[in-house]
Amino acid sequence: MLIQLGGLGIMSFASLLGVLMARRLGLKSRIQTAAETQSTGFGDVRSVLLGLMRITVATKLVVALALTLRFAAGPGNPWGHCLWLGAFHAVSAFNDAGFALFSEGRCTGP
């Protein structure tokens, strides 16, 4: 949970910093930035954060599902354990935490 919160905090801070910096740009740069990000306003913080959350959750769910299926392909791995491994490694990898639950590089069961 702490890895998840830390990653969201860093991404939110970076996004808000980008929005604040965009306010200091000239009108031409603002229009180009709005066109590239497909936003209707010049500082819609709420939509930026909601978009960030949607992309983050969708990416982590897809990766967690793929990893869960991969871990389940191993012999003798219960689904609950595989789901935990998939979710943990998806969050850890997305947030670049560098943590793994097994040192030998492969899952050998619970």
PDB file of N, CA and C in Angstrom:
ATOM      1  N   MET A   1       0.826  -1.188   0.000  1.00  0.00           N
ATOM      2  CA  MET A   1       0.000   0.000   0.000  1.00  0.00           C
ATOM      3  C   MET A   1       0.874   1.256   0.000  1.00  0.00           C
ATOM      4  N   LEU A   2       1.983   1.216   0.740  1.00  0.00           N
ATOM      5  CA  LEU A   2       2.862   2.388   0.789  1.00  0.00           C
ATOM      6  C   LEU A   2       3.546   2.647  -0.554  1.00  0.00           C
ATOM      7  N   ILE A   3       3.895   1.588  -1.262  1.00  0.00           N
ATOM      8  CA  ILE A   3       4.481   1.766  -2.595  1.00  0.00           C
ATOM      9  C   ILE A   3       3.471   2.464  -3.495  1.00  0.00           C
ATOM     10  N   GLN A   4       2.229   2.016  -3.446  1.00  0.00           N
ATOM     11  CA  GLN A   4       1.154   2.602  -4.262  1.00  0.00           C
ATOM     12  C   GLN A   4       0.960   4.078  -3.926  1.00  0.00           C
ATOM     13  N   LEU A   5       0.861   4.398  -2.642  1.00  0.00           N
ATOM     14  CA  LEU A   5       0.650   5.789  -2.232  1.00  0.00           C
ATOM     15  C   LEU A   5       1.831   6.681  -2.617  1.00  0.00           C
ATOM     16  N   GLY A   6       3.036   6.172  -2.451  1.00  0.00           N
ATOM     17  CA  GLY A   6       4.210   6.947  -2.822  1.00  0.00           C
ATOM     18  C   GLY A   6       4.267   7.223  -4.318  1.00  0.00           C
ATOM     19  N   GLY A   7       3.967   6.213  -5.118  1.00  0.00           N
ATOM     20  CA  GLY A   7       3.964   6.393  -6.571  1.00  0.00           C
ATOM     21  C   GLY A   7       2.908   7.381  -7.026  1.00  0.00           C
ATOM     22  N   LEU A   8       1.711   7.274  -6.447  1.00  0.00           N
ATOM     23  CA  LEU A   8       0.648   8.216  -6.799  1.00  0.00           C
ATOM     24  C   LEU A   8       1.006   9.638  -6.362  1.00  0.00           C
ATOM     25  N   GLY A   9       1.647   9.754  -5.217  1.00  0.00           N
ATOM     26  CA  GLY A   9       2.053  11.074  -4.742  1.00  0.00           C
ATOM     27  C   GLY A   9       3.056  11.733  -5.664  1.00  0.00           C
ATOM     28  N   ILE A  10       4.029  10.974  -6.109  1.00  0.00           N
ATOM     29  CA  ILE A  10       5.047  11.526  -7.015  1.00  0.00           C
ATOM     30  C   ILE A  10       4.432  11.895  -8.353  1.00  0.00           C
ATOM     31  N   MET A  11       3.583  11.021  -8.901  1.00  0.00           N
ATOM     32  CA  MET A  11       2.962  11.323 -10.193  1.00  0.00           C
ATOM     33  C   MET A  11       2.013  12.507 -10.080  1.00  0.00           C
ATOM     34  N   SER A  12       1.263  12.590  -8.983  1.00  0.00           N
ATOM     35  CA  SER A  12       0.349  13.720  -8.787  1.00  0.00           C
ATOM     36  C   SER A  12       1.126  15.026  -8.660  1.00  0.00           C
ATOM     37  N   PHE A  13       2.203  15.007  -7.887  1.00  0.00           N
ATOM     38  CA  PHE A  13       3.023  16.192  -7.720  1.00  0.00           C
ATOM     39  C   PHE A  13       3.608  16.642  -9.059  1.00  0.00           C
ATOM     40  N   ALA A  14       4.117  15.707  -9.832  1.00  0.00           N
ATOM     41  CA  ALA A  14       4.695  16.050 -11.130  1.00  0.00           C
ATOM     42  C   ALA A  14       3.629  16.607 -12.074  1.00  0.00           C
ATOM     43  N   SER A  15       2.440  16.032 -12.047  1.00  0.00           N
ATOM     44  CA  SER A  15       1.360  16.526 -12.905  1.00  0.00           C
ATOM     45  C   SER A  15       0.919  17.924 -12.491  1.00  0.00           C
ATOM     46  N   LEU A  16       0.773  18.143 -11.191  1.00  0.00           N
ATOM     47  CA  LEU A  16       0.390  19.470 -10.718  1.00  0.00           C
ATOM     48  C   LEU A  16       1.469  20.498 -11.011  1.00  0.00           C
ATOM     49  N   LEU A  17       2.721  20.096 -10.902  1.00  0.00           N
ATOM     50  CA  LEU A  17       3.818  20.996 -11.248  1.00  0.00           C
ATOM     51  C   LEU A  17       3.759  21.357 -12.728  1.00  0.00           C
ATOM     52  N   GLY A  18       3.429  20.384 -13.565  1.00  0.00           N
ATOM     53  CA  GLY A  18       3.267  20.658 -14.993  1.00  0.00           C
ATOM     54  C   GLY A  18       2.134  21.621 -15.269  1.00  0.00           C
ATOM     55  N   VAL A  19       1.021  21.450 -14.553  1.00  0.00           N
ATOM     56  CA  VAL A  19      -0.114  22.366 -14.724  1.00  0.00           C
ATOM     57  C   VAL A  19       0.267  23.776 -14.286  1.00  0.00           C
ATOM     58  N   LEU A  20       0.968  23.890 -13.157  1.00  0.00           N
ATOM     59  CA  LEU A  20       1.390  25.204 -12.677  1.00  0.00           C
ATOM     60  C   LEU A  20       2.376  25.865 -13.636  1.00  0.00           C
ATOM     61  N   MET A  21       3.270  25.081 -14.189  1.00  0.00           N
ATOM     62  CA  MET A  21       4.235  25.638 -15.141  1.00  0.00           C
ATOM     63  C   MET A  21       3.534  26.069 -16.431  1.00  0.00           C
ATOM     64  N   ALA A  22       2.483  25.361 -16.809  1.00  0.00           N
ATOM     65  CA  ALA A  22       1.751  25.715 -18.024  1.00  0.00           C
ATOM     66  C   ALA A  22       1.074  27.072 -17.873  1.00  0.00           C
ATOM     67  N   ARG A  23       0.725  27.443 -16.657  1.00  0.00           N
ATOM     68  CA  ARG A  23       0.105  28.748 -16.432  1.00  0.00           C
ATOM     69  C   ARG A  23       1.075  29.890 -16.680  1.00  0.00           C
ATOM     70  N   ARG A  24       2.353  29.636 -16.573  1.00  0.00           N
ATOM     71  CA  ARG A  24       3.363  30.666 -16.800  1.00  0.00           C
ATOM     72  C   ARG A  24       3.751  30.801 -18.269  1.00  0.00           C
ATOM     73  N   LEU A  25       3.256  29.918 -19.082  1.00  0.00           N
ATOM     74  CA  LEU A  25       3.575  29.959 -20.509  1.00  0.00           C
ATOM     75  C   LEU A  25       2.784  31.065 -21.196  1.00  0.00           C
ATOM     76  N   GLY A  26       3.254  31.439 -22.343  1.00  0.00           N
ATOM     77  CA  GLY A  26       2.525  32.405 -23.145  1.00  0.00           C
ATOM     78  C   GLY A  26       1.279  31.779 -23.749  1.00  0.00           C
ATOM     79  N   LEU A  27       0.448  32.602 -24.356  1.00  0.00           N
ATOM     80  CA  LEU A  27      -0.821  32.125 -24.901  1.00  0.00           C
ATOM     81  C   LEU A  27      -0.605  31.077 -25.988  1.00  0.00           C
ATOM     82  N   LYS A  28       0.373  31.290 -26.861  1.00  0.00           N
ATOM     83  CA  LYS A  28       0.628  30.333 -27.940  1.00  0.00           C
ATOM     84  C   LYS A  28       1.047  28.977 -27.369  1.00  0.00           C
ATOM     85  N   SER A  29       1.913  28.992 -26.380  1.00  0.00           N
ATOM     86  CA  SER A  29       2.351  27.741 -25.752  1.00  0.00           C
ATOM     87  C   SER A  29       1.203  27.068 -25.020  1.00  0.00           C
ATOM     88  N   ARG A  30       0.338  27.851 -24.394  1.00  0.00           N
ATOM     89  CA  ARG A  30      -0.822  27.275 -23.701  1.00  0.00           C
ATOM     90  C   ARG A  30      -1.748  26.576 -24.684  1.00  0.00           C
ATOM     91  N   ILE A  31      -1.987  27.193 -25.815  1.00  0.00           N
ATOM     92  CA  ILE A  31      -2.872  26.603 -26.821  1.00  0.00           C
ATOM     93  C   ILE A  31      -2.272  25.301 -27.351  1.00  0.00           C
ATOM     94  N   GLN A  32      -0.955  25.303 -27.594  1.00  0.00           N
ATOM     95  CA  GLN A  32      -0.293  24.084 -28.061  1.00  0.00           C
ATOM     96  C   GLN A  32      -0.359  22.984 -27.002  1.00  0.00           C
ATOM     97  N   THR A  33      -0.136  23.354 -25.737  1.00  0.00           N
ATOM     98  CA  THR A  33      -0.196  22.371 -24.659  1.00  0.00           C
ATOM     99  C   THR A  33      -1.601  21.807 -24.524  1.00  0.00           C
ATOM    100  N   ALA A  34      -2.610  22.661 -24.597  1.00  0.00           N
ATOM    101  CA  ALA A  34      -3.995  22.205 -24.502  1.00  0.00           C
ATOM    102  C   ALA A  34      -4.344  21.282 -25.662  1.00  0.00           C
ATOM    103  N   ALA A  35      -3.845  21.607 -26.854  1.00  0.00           N
ATOM    104  CA  ALA A  35      -4.122  20.764 -28.024  1.00  0.00           C
ATOM    105  C   ALA A  35      -3.447  19.404 -27.884  1.00  0.00           C
ATOM    106  N   GLU A  36      -2.214  19.375 -27.366  1.00  0.00           N
ATOM    107  CA  GLU A  36      -1.492  18.112 -27.225  1.00  0.00           C
ATOM    108  C   GLU A  36      -2.097  17.226 -26.142  1.00  0.00           C
ATOM    109  N   THR A  37      -2.580  17.829 -25.070  1.00  0.00           N
ATOM    110  CA  THR A  37      -3.162  17.037 -23.981  1.00  0.00           C
ATOM    111  C   THR A  37      -4.655  16.836 -24.142  1.00  0.00           C
ATOM    112  N   GLN A  38      -5.242  17.417 -25.170  1.00  0.00           N
ATOM    113  CA  GLN A  38      -6.664  17.310 -25.468  1.00  0.00           C
ATOM    114  C   GLN A  38      -7.522  17.800 -24.308  1.00  0.00           C
ATOM    115  N   SER A  39      -7.078  18.866 -23.654  1.00  0.00           N
ATOM    116  CA  SER A  39      -7.855  19.429 -22.564  1.00  0.00           C
ATOM    117  C   SER A  39      -8.600  20.667 -23.054  1.00  0.00           C
ATOM    118  N   THR A  40      -9.688  20.968 -22.398  1.00  0.00           N
ATOM    119  CA  THR A  40     -10.487  22.117 -22.790  1.00  0.00           C
ATOM    120  C   THR A  40     -10.117  23.359 -22.000  1.00  0.00           C
ATOM    121  N   GLY A  41      -9.540  23.184 -20.825  1.00  0.00           N
ATOM    122  CA  GLY A  41      -9.164  24.324 -19.996  1.00  0.00           C
ATOM    123  C   GLY A  41      -7.668  24.387 -19.839  1.00  0.00           C
ATOM    124  N   PHE A  42      -7.197  25.512 -19.311  1.00  0.00           N
ATOM    125  CA  PHE A  42      -5.768  25.708 -19.147  1.00  0.00           C
ATOM    126  C   PHE A  42      -5.293  25.362 -17.754  1.00  0.00           C
ATOM    127  N   GLY A  43      -5.827  24.543 -17.052  1.00  0.00           N
ATOM    128  CA  GLY A  43      -5.382  24.248 -15.700  1.00  0.00           C
ATOM    129  C   GLY A  43      -6.406  23.425 -14.965  1.00  0.00           C
ATOM    130  N   ASP A  44      -7.057  22.582 -15.688  1.00  0.00           N
ATOM    131  CA  ASP A  44      -8.087  21.758 -15.085  1.00  0.00           C
ATOM    132  C   ASP A  44      -7.424  20.656 -14.265  1.00  0.00           C
ATOM    133  N   VAL A  45      -7.085  20.993 -13.028  1.00  0.00           N
ATOM    134  CA  VAL A  45      -6.334  20.097 -12.158  1.00  0.00           C
ATOM    135  C   VAL A  45      -7.098  18.808 -11.896  1.00  0.00           C
ATOM    136  N   ARG A  46      -8.375  18.932 -11.673  1.00  0.00           N
ATOM    137  CA  ARG A  46      -9.177  17.741 -11.360  1.00  0.00           C
ATOM    138  C   ARG A  46      -9.156  16.744 -12.521  1.00  0.00           C
ATOM    139  N   SER A  47      -9.319  17.216 -13.730  1.00  0.00           N
ATOM    140  CA  SER A  47      -9.319  16.297 -14.871  1.00  0.00           C
ATOM    141  C   SER A  47      -7.944  15.670 -15.086  1.00  0.00           C
ATOM    142  N   VAL A  48      -6.888  16.425 -14.811  1.00  0.00           N
ATOM    143  CA  VAL A  48      -5.536  15.869 -14.935  1.00  0.00           C
ATOM    144  C   VAL A  48      -5.348  14.736 -13.927  1.00  0.00           C
ATOM    145  N   LEU A  49      -5.742  14.972 -12.679  1.00  0.00           N
ATOM    146  CA  LEU A  49      -5.578  13.944 -11.649  1.00  0.00           C
ATOM    147  C   LEU A  49      -6.473  12.733 -11.894  1.00  0.00           C
ATOM    148  N   LEU A  50      -7.703  12.957 -12.368  1.00  0.00           N
ATOM    149  CA  LEU A  50      -8.580  11.822 -12.685  1.00  0.00           C
ATOM    150  C   LEU A  50      -8.042  11.013 -13.859  1.00  0.00           C
ATOM    151  N   GLY A  51      -7.517  11.698 -14.862  1.00  0.00           N
ATOM    152  CA  GLY A  51      -6.896  10.997 -15.984  1.00  0.00           C
ATOM    153  C   GLY A  51      -5.685  10.190 -15.542  1.00  0.00           C
ATOM    154  N   LEU A  52      -4.899  10.771 -14.673  1.00  0.00           N
ATOM    155  CA  LEU A  52      -3.741  10.079 -14.117  1.00  0.00           C
ATOM    156  C   LEU A  52      -4.169   8.821 -13.365  1.00  0.00           C
ATOM    157  N   MET A  53      -5.217   8.943 -12.568  1.00  0.00           N
ATOM    158  CA  MET A  53      -5.713   7.793 -11.815  1.00  0.00           C
ATOM    159  C   MET A  53      -6.253   6.700 -12.743  1.00  0.00           C
ATOM    160  N   ARG A  54      -6.992   7.104 -13.772  1.00  0.00           N
ATOM    161  CA  ARG A  54      -7.546   6.110 -14.709  1.00  0.00           C
ATOM    162  C   ARG A  54      -6.431   5.333 -15.413  1.00  0.00           C
ATOM    163  N   ILE A  55      -5.446   6.043 -15.910  1.00  0.00           N
ATOM    164  CA  ILE A  55      -4.347   5.386 -16.619  1.00  0.00           C
ATOM    165  C   ILE A  55      -3.572   4.475 -15.672  1.00  0.00           C
ATOM    166  N   THR A  56      -3.322   4.953 -14.463  1.00  0.00           N
ATOM    167  CA  THR A  56      -2.580   4.171 -13.482  1.00  0.00           C
ATOM    168  C   THR A  56      -3.314   2.891 -13.122  1.00  0.00           C
ATOM    169  N   VAL A  57      -4.579   3.003 -12.802  1.00  0.00           N
ATOM    170  CA  VAL A  57      -5.358   1.826 -12.399  1.00  0.00           C
ATOM    171  C   VAL A  57      -5.485   0.837 -13.558  1.00  0.00           C
ATOM    172  N   ALA A  58      -5.769   1.343 -14.742  1.00  0.00           N
ATOM    173  CA  ALA A  58      -5.923   0.451 -15.898  1.00  0.00           C
ATOM    174  C   ALA A  58      -4.622  -0.300 -16.196  1.00  0.00           C
ATOM    175  N   THR A  59      -3.508   0.405 -16.174  1.00  0.00           N
ATOM    176  CA  THR A  59      -2.222  -0.229 -16.457  1.00  0.00           C
ATOM    177  C   THR A  59      -1.894  -1.287 -15.411  1.00  0.00           C
ATOM    178  N   LYS A  60      -2.087  -0.938 -14.149  1.00  0.00           N
ATOM    179  CA  LYS A  60      -1.763  -1.892 -13.087  1.00  0.00           C
ATOM    180  C   LYS A  60      -2.673  -3.107 -13.121  1.00  0.00           C
ATOM    181  N   LEU A  61      -3.945  -2.917 -13.454  1.00  0.00           N
ATOM    182  CA  LEU A  61      -4.857  -4.061 -13.545  1.00  0.00           C
ATOM    183  C   LEU A  61      -4.465  -5.017 -14.667  1.00  0.00           C
ATOM    184  N   VAL A  62      -4.107  -4.460 -15.817  1.00  0.00           N
ATOM    185  CA  VAL A  62      -3.709  -5.307 -16.950  1.00  0.00           C
ATOM    186  C   VAL A  62      -2.431  -6.076 -16.622  1.00  0.00           C
ATOM    187  N   VAL A  63      -1.457  -5.384 -16.050  1.00  0.00           N
ATOM    188  CA  VAL A  63      -0.194  -6.042 -15.704  1.00  0.00           C
ATOM    189  C   VAL A  63      -0.407  -7.061 -14.588  1.00  0.00           C
ATOM    190  N   ALA A  64      -1.214  -6.722 -13.584  1.00  0.00           N
ATOM    191  CA  ALA A  64      -1.487  -7.660 -12.494  1.00  0.00           C
ATOM    192  C   ALA A  64      -2.188  -8.918 -13.016  1.00  0.00           C
ATOM    193  N   LEU A  65      -3.118  -8.752 -13.940  1.00  0.00           N
ATOM    194  CA  LEU A  65      -3.797  -9.908 -14.527  1.00  0.00           C
ATOM    195  C   LEU A  65      -2.810 -10.787 -15.296  1.00  0.00           C
ATOM    196  N   ALA A  66      -1.968 -10.160 -16.108  1.00  0.00           N
ATOM    197  CA  ALA A  66      -0.981 -10.928 -16.876  1.00  0.00           C
ATOM    198  C   ALA A  66      -0.018 -11.674 -15.950  1.00  0.00           C
ATOM    199  N   LEU A  67       0.452 -11.001 -14.905  1.00  0.00           N
ATOM    200  CA  LEU A  67       1.368 -11.654 -13.973  1.00  0.00           C
ATOM    201  C   LEU A  67       0.675 -12.754 -13.172  1.00  0.00           C
ATOM    202  N   THR A  68      -0.564 -12.528 -12.790  1.00  0.00           N
ATOM    203  CA  THR A  68      -1.312 -13.557 -12.060  1.00  0.00           C
ATOM    204  C   THR A  68      -1.458 -14.814 -12.908  1.00  0.00           C
ATOM    205  N   LEU A  69      -1.801 -14.635 -14.177  1.00  0.00           N
ATOM    206  CA  LEU A  69      -1.929 -15.795 -15.068  1.00  0.00           C
ATOM    207  C   LEU A  69      -0.590 -16.498 -15.256  1.00  0.00           C
ATOM    208  N   ARG A  70       0.477 -15.729 -15.315  1.00  0.00           N
ATOM    209  CA  ARG A  70       1.807 -16.323 -15.474  1.00  0.00           C
ATOM    210  C   ARG A  70       2.197 -17.117 -14.230  1.00  0.00           C
ATOM    211  N   PHE A  71       1.953 -16.532 -13.049  1.00  0.00           N
ATOM    212  CA  PHE A  71       2.275 -17.239 -11.812  1.00  0.00           C
ATOM    213  C   PHE A  71       1.394 -18.467 -11.644  1.00  0.00           C
ATOM    214  N   ALA A  72       0.154 -18.409 -12.102  1.00  0.00           N
ATOM    215  CA  ALA A  72      -0.765 -19.547 -11.988  1.00  0.00           C
ATOM    216  C   ALA A  72      -0.358 -20.694 -12.901  1.00  0.00           C
ATOM    217  N   ALA A  73       0.414 -20.392 -13.928  1.00  0.00           N
ATOM    218  CA  ALA A  73       0.854 -21.443 -14.855  1.00  0.00           C
ATOM    219  C   ALA A  73       1.855 -22.383 -14.194  1.00  0.00           C
ATOM    220  N   GLY A  74       2.469 -21.943 -13.113  1.00  0.00           N
ATOM    221  CA  GLY A  74       3.427 -22.786 -12.396  1.00  0.00           C
ATOM    222  C   GLY A  74       2.718 -23.889 -11.640  1.00  0.00           C
ATOM    223  N   PRO A  75       3.415 -24.967 -11.380  1.00  0.00           N
ATOM    224  CA  PRO A  75       2.794 -26.097 -10.682  1.00  0.00           C
ATOM    225  C   PRO A  75       2.589 -25.805  -9.194  1.00  0.00           C
ATOM    226  N   GLY A  76       1.379 -26.116  -8.701  1.00  0.00           N
ATOM    227  CA  GLY A  76       1.097 -26.051  -7.277  1.00  0.00           C
ATOM    228  C   GLY A  76       0.937 -24.662  -6.684  1.00  0.00           C
ATOM    229  N   ASN A  77       0.658 -23.664  -7.494  1.00  0.00           N
ATOM    230  CA  ASN A  77       0.467 -22.314  -6.977  1.00  0.00           C
ATOM    231  C   ASN A  77      -1.024 -22.031  -6.847  1.00  0.00           C
ATOM    232  N   PRO A  78      -1.528 -21.816  -5.625  1.00  0.00           N
ATOM    233  CA  PRO A  78      -2.950 -21.505  -5.458  1.00  0.00           C
ATOM    234  C   PRO A  78      -3.289 -20.130  -6.035  1.00  0.00           C
ATOM    235  N   TRP A  79      -4.524 -19.962  -6.489  1.00  0.00           N
ATOM    236  CA  TRP A  79      -4.938 -18.734  -7.164  1.00  0.00           C
ATOM    237  C   TRP A  79      -4.802 -17.502  -6.269  1.00  0.00           C
ATOM    238  N   GLY A  80      -5.129 -17.632  -5.006  1.00  0.00           N
ATOM    239  CA  GLY A  80      -5.019 -16.499  -4.097  1.00  0.00           C
ATOM    240  C   GLY A  80      -3.583 -15.993  -3.990  1.00  0.00           C
ATOM    241  N   HIS A  81      -2.648 -16.925  -3.896  1.00  0.00           N
ATOM    242  CA  HIS A  81      -1.231 -16.568  -3.815  1.00  0.00           C
ATOM    243  C   HIS A  81      -0.764 -15.942  -5.129  1.00  0.00           C
ATOM    244  N   CYS A  82      -1.213 -16.503  -6.236  1.00  0.00           N
ATOM    245  CA  CYS A  82      -0.834 -15.960  -7.546  1.00  0.00           C
ATOM    246  C   CYS A  82      -1.395 -14.553  -7.743  1.00  0.00           C
ATOM    247  N   LEU A  83      -2.615 -14.324  -7.266  1.00  0.00           N
ATOM    248  CA  LEU A  83      -3.210 -12.995  -7.356  1.00  0.00           C
ATOM    249  C   LEU A  83      -2.406 -11.992  -6.533  1.00  0.00           C
ATOM    250  N   TRP A  84      -2.013 -12.372  -5.330  1.00  0.00           N
ATOM    251  CA  TRP A  84      -1.195 -11.502  -4.487  1.00  0.00           C
ATOM    252  C   TRP A  84       0.143 -11.194  -5.175  1.00  0.00           C
ATOM    253  N   LEU A  85       0.800 -12.224  -5.703  1.00  0.00           N
ATOM    254  CA  LEU A  85       2.081 -12.013  -6.377  1.00  0.00           C
ATOM    255  C   LEU A  85       1.922 -11.089  -7.585  1.00  0.00           C
ATOM    256  N   GLY A  86       0.877 -11.322  -8.373  1.00  0.00           N
ATOM    257  CA  GLY A  86       0.655 -10.483  -9.553  1.00  0.00           C
ATOM    258  C   GLY A  86       0.398  -9.033  -9.193  1.00  0.00           C
ATOM    259  N   ALA A  87      -0.443  -8.804  -8.194  1.00  0.00           N
ATOM    260  CA  ALA A  87      -0.752  -7.432  -7.778  1.00  0.00           C
ATOM    261  C   ALA A  87       0.474  -6.752  -7.182  1.00  0.00           C
ATOM    262  N   PHE A  88       1.195  -7.441  -6.317  1.00  0.00           N
ATOM    263  CA  PHE A  88       2.371  -6.844  -5.687  1.00  0.00           C
ATOM    264  C   PHE A  88       3.424  -6.465  -6.714  1.00  0.00           C
ATOM    265  N   HIS A  89       3.724  -7.380  -7.625  1.00  0.00           N
ATOM    266  CA  HIS A  89       4.763  -7.102  -8.612  1.00  0.00           C
ATOM    267  C   HIS A  89       4.330  -6.043  -9.624  1.00  0.00           C
ATOM    268  N   ALA A  90       3.032  -5.978  -9.939  1.00  0.00           N
ATOM    269  CA  ALA A  90       2.547  -4.936 -10.846  1.00  0.00           C
ATOM    270  C   ALA A  90       2.723  -3.559 -10.217  1.00  0.00           C
ATOM    271  N   VAL A  91       2.339  -3.417  -8.954  1.00  0.00           N
ATOM    272  CA  VAL A  91       2.483  -2.135  -8.257  1.00  0.00           C
ATOM    273  C   VAL A  91       3.953  -1.787  -8.082  1.00  0.00           C
ATOM    274  N   SER A  92       4.755  -2.762  -7.694  1.00  0.00           N
ATOM    275  CA  SER A  92       6.174  -2.528  -7.473  1.00  0.00           C
ATOM    276  C   SER A  92       6.879  -2.118  -8.769  1.00  0.00           C
ATOM    277  N   ALA A  93       6.557  -2.775  -9.855  1.00  0.00           N
ATOM    278  CA  ALA A  93       7.198  -2.445 -11.131  1.00  0.00           C
ATOM    279  C   ALA A  93       6.725  -1.102 -11.673  1.00  0.00           C
ATOM    280  N   PHE A  94       5.441  -0.822 -11.581  1.00  0.00           N
ATOM    281  CA  PHE A  94       4.911   0.438 -12.102  1.00  0.00           C
ATOM    282  C   PHE A  94       5.510   1.632 -11.370  1.00  0.00           C
ATOM    283  N   ASN A  95       5.681   1.502 -10.067  1.00  0.00           N
ATOM    284  CA  ASN A  95       6.220   2.594  -9.264  1.00  0.00           C
ATOM    285  C   ASN A  95       7.738   2.544  -9.151  1.00  0.00           C
ATOM    286  N   ASP A  96       8.363   1.614  -9.847  1.00  0.00           N
ATOM    287  CA  ASP A  96       9.815   1.480  -9.883  1.00  0.00           C
ATOM    288  C   ASP A  96      10.391   1.330  -8.479  1.00  0.00           C
ATOM    289  N   ALA A  97       9.726   0.508  -7.653  1.00  0.00           N
ATOM    290  CA  ALA A  97      10.164   0.319  -6.277  1.00  0.00           C
ATOM    291  C   ALA A  97      11.349  -0.645  -6.187  1.00  0.00           C
ATOM    292  N   GLY A  98      11.442  -1.585  -7.118  1.00  0.00           N
ATOM    293  CA  GLY A  98      12.568  -2.504  -7.125  1.00  0.00           C
ATOM    294  C   GLY A  98      12.441  -3.684  -6.174  1.00  0.00           C
ATOM    295  N   PHE A  99      11.235  -3.930  -5.671  1.00  0.00           N
ATOM    296  CA  PHE A  99      11.048  -5.045  -4.753  1.00  0.00           C
ATOM    297  C   PHE A  99      10.540  -6.273  -5.498  1.00  0.00           C
ATOM    298  N   ALA A 100      11.000  -7.440  -5.061  1.00  0.00           N
ATOM    299  CA  ALA A 100      10.497  -8.721  -5.553  1.00  0.00           C
ATOM    300  C   ALA A 100      10.305  -9.625  -4.345  1.00  0.00           C
ATOM    301  N   LEU A 101       9.440 -10.598  -4.456  1.00  0.00           N
ATOM    302  CA  LEU A 101       9.139 -11.469  -3.327  1.00  0.00           C
ATOM    303  C   LEU A 101       9.949 -12.745  -3.303  1.00  0.00           C
ATOM    304  N   PHE A 102      10.756 -12.998  -4.333  1.00  0.00           N
ATOM    305  CA  PHE A 102      11.604 -14.166  -4.332  1.00  0.00           C
ATOM    306  C   PHE A 102      12.942 -13.797  -4.960  1.00  0.00           C
ATOM    307  N   SER A 103      13.995 -14.273  -4.350  1.00  0.00           N
ATOM    308  CA  SER A 103      15.339 -13.841  -4.740  1.00  0.00           C
ATOM    309  C   SER A 103      15.903 -14.624  -5.915  1.00  0.00           C
ATOM    310  N   GLU A 104      15.438 -15.829  -6.137  1.00  0.00           N
ATOM    311  CA  GLU A 104      16.011 -16.637  -7.206  1.00  0.00           C
ATOM    312  C   GLU A 104      15.438 -16.309  -8.582  1.00  0.00           C
ATOM    313  N   GLY A 105      14.516 -15.329  -8.653  1.00  0.00           N
ATOM    314  CA  GLY A 105      14.002 -14.887  -9.932  1.00  0.00           C
ATOM    315  C   GLY A 105      12.838 -15.678 -10.462  1.00  0.00           C
ATOM    316  N   ARG A 106      12.318 -16.615  -9.688  1.00  0.00           N
ATOM    317  CA  ARG A 106      11.177 -17.397 -10.154  1.00  0.00           C
ATOM    318  C   ARG A 106      10.332 -17.784  -8.972  1.00  0.00           C
ATOM    319  N   CYS A 107       9.058 -18.051  -9.252  1.00  0.00           N
ATOM    320  CA  CYS A 107       8.127 -18.444  -8.198  1.00  0.00           C
ATOM    321  C   CYS A 107       8.154 -19.955  -8.045  1.00  0.00           C
ATOM    322  N   THR A 108       8.399 -20.403  -6.828  1.00  0.00           N
ATOM    323  CA  THR A 108       8.451 -21.844  -6.600  1.00  0.00           C
ATOM    324  C   THR A 108       7.320 -22.329  -5.716  1.00  0.00           C
ATOM    325  N   GLY A 109       6.311 -21.486  -5.519  1.00  0.00           N
ATOM    326  CA  GLY A 109       5.171 -21.872  -4.680  1.00  0.00           C
ATOM    327  C   GLY A 109       5.163 -21.093  -3.394  1.00  0.00           C
ATOM    328  N   PRO A 110       4.067 -21.229  -2.630  1.00  0.00           N
ATOM    329  CA  PRO A 110       3.938 -20.453  -1.390  1.00  0.00           C
ATOM    330  C   PRO A 110       4.898 -20.849  -0.306  1.00  0.00           C
TER     331      PRO A 110
END
